[in-house]
Amino acid sequence: MAEVNANKGAQPGPKRTPRTETPRGRRKTAIGYVVSDKMQKTIVVELEDRKSHPLYGKIIRTTTKVKAHDENGDAGVGDRVSLMETRPLSATKRWRLVEILEKAK
């Protein structure tokens, strides 16, 4: 009997790149004001977002409070800070302090 080759007419599948070769996504950065520094190594930062209303065009201002990791405890209430998104550091912390842009007066 003749041997039948099952893969004779099949075309090779798409080439896959190893997981290590794919570039990592860009991390989000944000600038906001510190509203609380009462926790150890954690600050609460208020981020402001301005969007235009789709129909009426009015600029709508929304604020979001996020918790950020402050390793040295340098930031104080009222400081303008720069944050960067990072891996989850706790149940609610997903940001870390990059630098203090302006100290409160």
N, C-alpha and C. Protein backbone atom coordinates (compact mmCIF):
# COMPACT_ATOMS: atom_id res chain seq x y z
N MET A 1 0.83 -1.18 0.00
CA MET A 1 0.00 0.00 0.00
C MET A 1 0.87 1.25 0.00
N ALA A 2 0.35 2.28 -0.60
CA ALA A 2 1.08 3.54 -0.68
C ALA A 2 0.84 4.36 0.58
N GLU A 3 1.89 5.02 1.00
CA GLU A 3 1.79 5.85 2.19
C GLU A 3 1.19 7.20 1.80
N VAL A 4 0.23 7.68 2.58
CA VAL A 4 -0.42 8.95 2.29
C VAL A 4 0.16 10.01 3.22
N ASN A 5 0.62 11.09 2.64
CA ASN A 5 1.16 12.19 3.44
C ASN A 5 0.04 13.21 3.66
N ALA A 6 -0.40 13.34 4.91
CA ALA A 6 -1.52 14.22 5.22
C ALA A 6 -1.15 15.70 5.10
N ASN A 7 0.10 16.05 5.28
CA ASN A 7 0.52 17.45 5.28
C ASN A 7 0.97 17.93 3.91
N LYS A 8 0.79 17.13 2.88
CA LYS A 8 1.32 17.49 1.57
C LYS A 8 0.68 18.76 1.03
N GLY A 9 -0.63 18.88 1.11
CA GLY A 9 -1.31 20.05 0.56
C GLY A 9 -1.47 21.18 1.56
N ALA A 10 -1.16 20.94 2.82
CA ALA A 10 -1.37 21.97 3.85
C ALA A 10 -0.28 23.03 3.78
N GLN A 11 -0.68 24.27 3.99
CA GLN A 11 0.29 25.36 4.00
C GLN A 11 0.71 25.63 5.44
N PRO A 12 1.93 26.11 5.63
CA PRO A 12 2.37 26.40 7.00
C PRO A 12 1.55 27.54 7.60
N GLY A 13 1.37 27.50 8.92
CA GLY A 13 0.61 28.52 9.62
C GLY A 13 1.37 29.83 9.70
N PRO A 14 0.73 30.87 10.21
CA PRO A 14 1.41 32.16 10.31
C PRO A 14 2.57 32.09 11.31
N LYS A 15 3.62 32.83 10.99
CA LYS A 15 4.77 32.85 11.89
C LYS A 15 4.43 33.65 13.13
N ARG A 16 4.81 33.14 14.26
CA ARG A 16 4.54 33.81 15.52
C ARG A 16 5.86 34.28 16.13
N THR A 17 5.83 35.49 16.63
CA THR A 17 7.03 36.00 17.29
C THR A 17 6.98 35.60 18.76
N PRO A 18 8.11 35.31 19.33
CA PRO A 18 8.12 34.96 20.76
C PRO A 18 7.60 36.12 21.59
N ARG A 19 7.05 35.82 22.74
CA ARG A 19 6.45 36.83 23.61
C ARG A 19 7.48 37.88 24.05
N THR A 20 8.71 37.49 24.16
CA THR A 20 9.73 38.43 24.64
C THR A 20 10.06 39.50 23.60
N GLU A 21 9.76 39.26 22.34
CA GLU A 21 10.11 40.22 21.30
C GLU A 21 9.08 41.33 21.16
N THR A 22 7.87 41.14 21.64
CA THR A 22 6.86 42.17 21.48
C THR A 22 7.17 43.32 22.44
N PRO A 23 7.07 44.58 21.95
CA PRO A 23 7.40 45.70 22.82
C PRO A 23 6.34 45.91 23.89
N ARG A 24 6.77 46.43 25.02
CA ARG A 24 5.87 46.70 26.12
C ARG A 24 5.06 47.96 25.82
N GLY A 25 3.81 47.97 26.23
CA GLY A 25 2.97 49.14 25.99
C GLY A 25 3.48 50.36 26.74
N ARG A 26 3.18 51.51 26.21
CA ARG A 26 3.62 52.75 26.85
C ARG A 26 2.83 52.98 28.13
N ARG A 27 3.52 53.41 29.16
CA ARG A 27 2.86 53.69 30.43
C ARG A 27 2.26 55.09 30.38
N LYS A 28 1.10 55.24 30.99
CA LYS A 28 0.45 56.54 31.04
C LYS A 28 1.17 57.43 32.04
N THR A 29 1.20 58.71 31.74
CA THR A 29 1.73 59.69 32.68
C THR A 29 0.64 60.72 32.95
N ALA A 30 0.69 61.32 34.11
CA ALA A 30 -0.33 62.30 34.49
C ALA A 30 0.29 63.35 35.39
N ILE A 31 -0.31 64.54 35.38
CA ILE A 31 0.12 65.64 36.23
C ILE A 31 -1.09 66.08 37.05
N GLY A 32 -0.89 66.23 38.36
CA GLY A 32 -2.00 66.62 39.22
C GLY A 32 -1.51 67.25 40.50
N TYR A 33 -2.46 67.54 41.39
CA TYR A 33 -2.16 68.18 42.66
C TYR A 33 -2.42 67.21 43.81
N VAL A 34 -1.51 67.21 44.79
CA VAL A 34 -1.64 66.34 45.96
C VAL A 34 -2.73 66.92 46.86
N VAL A 35 -3.71 66.08 47.23
CA VAL A 35 -4.78 66.52 48.13
C VAL A 35 -4.67 65.87 49.50
N SER A 36 -3.88 64.80 49.63
CA SER A 36 -3.69 64.16 50.93
C SER A 36 -2.35 63.44 50.96
N ASP A 37 -1.67 63.55 52.12
CA ASP A 37 -0.40 62.83 52.32
C ASP A 37 -0.37 62.19 53.70
N LYS A 38 -1.54 61.81 54.21
CA LYS A 38 -1.64 61.29 55.58
C LYS A 38 -1.22 59.84 55.72
N MET A 39 -1.13 59.11 54.61
CA MET A 39 -0.74 57.70 54.67
C MET A 39 0.77 57.56 54.53
N GLN A 40 1.28 56.44 54.98
CA GLN A 40 2.71 56.20 54.85
C GLN A 40 3.02 55.76 53.42
N LYS A 41 3.97 56.45 52.79
CA LYS A 41 4.43 56.15 51.44
C LYS A 41 3.33 56.20 50.39
N THR A 42 2.23 56.89 50.68
CA THR A 42 1.13 57.01 49.73
C THR A 42 0.61 58.44 49.73
N ILE A 43 0.32 58.95 48.54
CA ILE A 43 -0.30 60.26 48.41
C ILE A 43 -1.56 60.11 47.56
N VAL A 44 -2.53 60.99 47.79
CA VAL A 44 -3.73 61.03 46.97
C VAL A 44 -3.59 62.24 46.06
N VAL A 45 -3.70 62.00 44.75
CA VAL A 45 -3.51 63.06 43.77
C VAL A 45 -4.80 63.24 42.98
N GLU A 46 -5.18 64.50 42.78
CA GLU A 46 -6.38 64.81 42.01
C GLU A 46 -5.95 65.14 40.58
N LEU A 47 -6.47 64.36 39.63
CA LEU A 47 -6.18 64.56 38.22
C LEU A 47 -7.37 65.23 37.55
N GLU A 48 -7.09 66.21 36.71
CA GLU A 48 -8.16 66.94 36.03
C GLU A 48 -8.19 66.55 34.55
N ASP A 49 -9.39 66.35 34.04
CA ASP A 49 -9.56 66.01 32.64
C ASP A 49 -10.59 66.96 32.04
N ARG A 50 -10.26 67.56 30.92
CA ARG A 50 -11.17 68.49 30.25
C ARG A 50 -11.58 67.90 28.91
N LYS A 51 -12.88 67.80 28.70
CA LYS A 51 -13.41 67.26 27.45
C LYS A 51 -14.47 68.20 26.91
N SER A 52 -14.59 68.22 25.61
CA SER A 52 -15.62 69.02 24.96
C SER A 52 -16.89 68.18 24.83
N HIS A 53 -18.05 68.78 25.13
CA HIS A 53 -19.32 68.08 24.99
C HIS A 53 -19.54 67.79 23.50
N PRO A 54 -19.92 66.55 23.16
CA PRO A 54 -20.03 66.20 21.74
C PRO A 54 -21.06 67.01 20.96
N LEU A 55 -22.14 67.42 21.59
CA LEU A 55 -23.19 68.15 20.87
C LEU A 55 -23.07 69.66 21.05
N TYR A 56 -22.87 70.11 22.28
CA TYR A 56 -22.91 71.54 22.56
C TYR A 56 -21.54 72.21 22.57
N GLY A 57 -20.47 71.45 22.65
CA GLY A 57 -19.14 72.03 22.56
C GLY A 57 -18.62 72.67 23.84
N LYS A 58 -19.41 72.64 24.91
CA LYS A 58 -18.96 73.22 26.17
C LYS A 58 -17.85 72.36 26.76
N ILE A 59 -16.84 73.01 27.32
CA ILE A 59 -15.74 72.29 27.95
C ILE A 59 -16.20 71.82 29.32
N ILE A 60 -16.13 70.52 29.56
CA ILE A 60 -16.55 69.93 30.82
C ILE A 60 -15.31 69.47 31.57
N ARG A 61 -15.19 69.90 32.82
CA ARG A 61 -14.04 69.55 33.64
C ARG A 61 -14.43 68.45 34.62
N THR A 62 -13.70 67.34 34.57
CA THR A 62 -13.94 66.25 35.51
C THR A 62 -12.64 65.99 36.28
N THR A 63 -12.79 65.61 37.54
CA THR A 63 -11.61 65.30 38.36
C THR A 63 -11.69 63.87 38.85
N THR A 64 -10.53 63.25 38.99
CA THR A 64 -10.41 61.89 39.48
C THR A 64 -9.32 61.86 40.54
N LYS A 65 -9.58 61.17 41.63
CA LYS A 65 -8.57 61.02 42.68
C LYS A 65 -7.94 59.64 42.56
N VAL A 66 -6.60 59.61 42.52
CA VAL A 66 -5.87 58.35 42.45
C VAL A 66 -4.85 58.31 43.58
N LYS A 67 -4.53 57.10 44.01
CA LYS A 67 -3.49 56.93 45.03
C LYS A 67 -2.19 56.60 44.33
N ALA A 68 -1.11 57.22 44.79
CA ALA A 68 0.19 57.04 44.17
C ALA A 68 1.23 56.70 45.23
N HIS A 69 2.24 55.95 44.83
CA HIS A 69 3.31 55.53 45.73
C HIS A 69 4.37 56.63 45.81
N ASP A 70 4.66 57.07 47.02
CA ASP A 70 5.68 58.09 47.29
C ASP A 70 6.69 57.46 48.25
N GLU A 71 7.72 56.86 47.71
CA GLU A 71 8.68 56.07 48.50
C GLU A 71 9.31 56.86 49.63
N ASN A 72 9.75 58.09 49.35
CA ASN A 72 10.47 58.88 50.35
C ASN A 72 9.58 59.80 51.17
N GLY A 73 8.34 59.94 50.80
CA GLY A 73 7.43 60.83 51.51
C GLY A 73 7.75 62.29 51.30
N ASP A 74 8.24 62.65 50.12
CA ASP A 74 8.65 64.02 49.84
C ASP A 74 7.49 64.95 49.53
N ALA A 75 6.45 64.45 48.90
CA ALA A 75 5.34 65.30 48.44
C ALA A 75 4.44 65.69 49.59
N GLY A 76 3.95 66.93 49.53
CA GLY A 76 3.03 67.43 50.54
C GLY A 76 1.76 67.93 49.90
N VAL A 77 0.78 68.27 50.72
CA VAL A 77 -0.51 68.75 50.21
C VAL A 77 -0.30 70.04 49.42
N GLY A 78 -0.89 70.11 48.24
CA GLY A 78 -0.79 71.30 47.39
C GLY A 78 0.32 71.24 46.37
N ASP A 79 1.20 70.26 46.45
CA ASP A 79 2.29 70.14 45.48
C ASP A 79 1.76 69.69 44.13
N ARG A 80 2.37 70.21 43.07
CA ARG A 80 2.05 69.76 41.71
C ARG A 80 3.05 68.66 41.37
N VAL A 81 2.53 67.47 41.03
CA VAL A 81 3.40 66.31 40.85
C VAL A 81 3.15 65.63 39.51
N SER A 82 4.15 64.88 39.09
CA SER A 82 4.06 64.07 37.88
C SER A 82 4.01 62.61 38.31
N LEU A 83 3.05 61.85 37.73
CA LEU A 83 2.86 60.45 38.07
C LEU A 83 3.08 59.58 36.85
N MET A 84 3.38 58.30 37.10
CA MET A 84 3.49 57.31 36.03
C MET A 84 2.74 56.05 36.44
N GLU A 85 2.02 55.48 35.49
CA GLU A 85 1.28 54.25 35.75
C GLU A 85 2.27 53.11 35.98
N THR A 86 1.93 52.20 36.88
CA THR A 86 2.80 51.08 37.20
C THR A 86 1.97 49.85 37.53
N ARG A 87 2.62 48.77 37.86
CA ARG A 87 1.91 47.55 38.24
C ARG A 87 1.14 47.80 39.53
N PRO A 88 0.12 47.01 39.82
CA PRO A 88 -0.61 47.21 41.07
C PRO A 88 0.30 47.03 42.29
N LEU A 89 0.38 48.07 43.12
CA LEU A 89 1.21 48.02 44.31
C LEU A 89 0.40 47.65 45.54
N SER A 90 -0.91 47.85 45.48
CA SER A 90 -1.82 47.45 46.55
C SER A 90 -3.20 47.32 45.94
N ALA A 91 -4.21 47.21 46.78
CA ALA A 91 -5.58 47.06 46.27
C ALA A 91 -6.04 48.29 45.49
N THR A 92 -5.53 49.46 45.84
CA THR A 92 -5.98 50.68 45.17
C THR A 92 -4.87 51.49 44.51
N LYS A 93 -3.60 51.15 44.73
CA LYS A 93 -2.48 51.93 44.18
C LYS A 93 -2.02 51.37 42.85
N ARG A 94 -2.10 52.21 41.79
CA ARG A 94 -1.64 51.83 40.46
C ARG A 94 -0.71 52.88 39.85
N TRP A 95 -0.33 53.89 40.60
CA TRP A 95 0.51 54.97 40.11
C TRP A 95 1.70 55.15 41.06
N ARG A 96 2.77 55.77 40.52
CA ARG A 96 3.91 56.10 41.38
C ARG A 96 4.40 57.50 41.05
N LEU A 97 4.96 58.14 42.05
CA LEU A 97 5.45 59.51 41.91
C LEU A 97 6.74 59.51 41.10
N VAL A 98 6.78 60.36 40.07
CA VAL A 98 8.00 60.49 39.26
C VAL A 98 8.81 61.68 39.76
N GLU A 99 8.17 62.84 39.86
CA GLU A 99 8.87 64.02 40.36
C GLU A 99 7.87 65.06 40.87
N ILE A 100 8.38 65.93 41.71
CA ILE A 100 7.59 67.05 42.20
C ILE A 100 7.89 68.24 41.30
N LEU A 101 6.89 68.70 40.58
CA LEU A 101 7.08 69.79 39.63
C LEU A 101 7.11 71.15 40.31
N GLU A 102 6.26 71.32 41.34
CA GLU A 102 6.17 72.61 42.01
C GLU A 102 5.72 72.38 43.45
N LYS A 103 6.49 72.91 44.40
CA LYS A 103 6.14 72.78 45.81
C LYS A 103 5.06 73.81 46.16
N ALA A 104 4.19 73.45 47.11
CA ALA A 104 3.14 74.36 47.56
C ALA A 104 3.77 75.51 48.34
N LYS A 105 3.13 76.65 48.26
CA LYS A 105 3.68 77.83 48.94
C LYS A 105 3.20 77.94 50.35
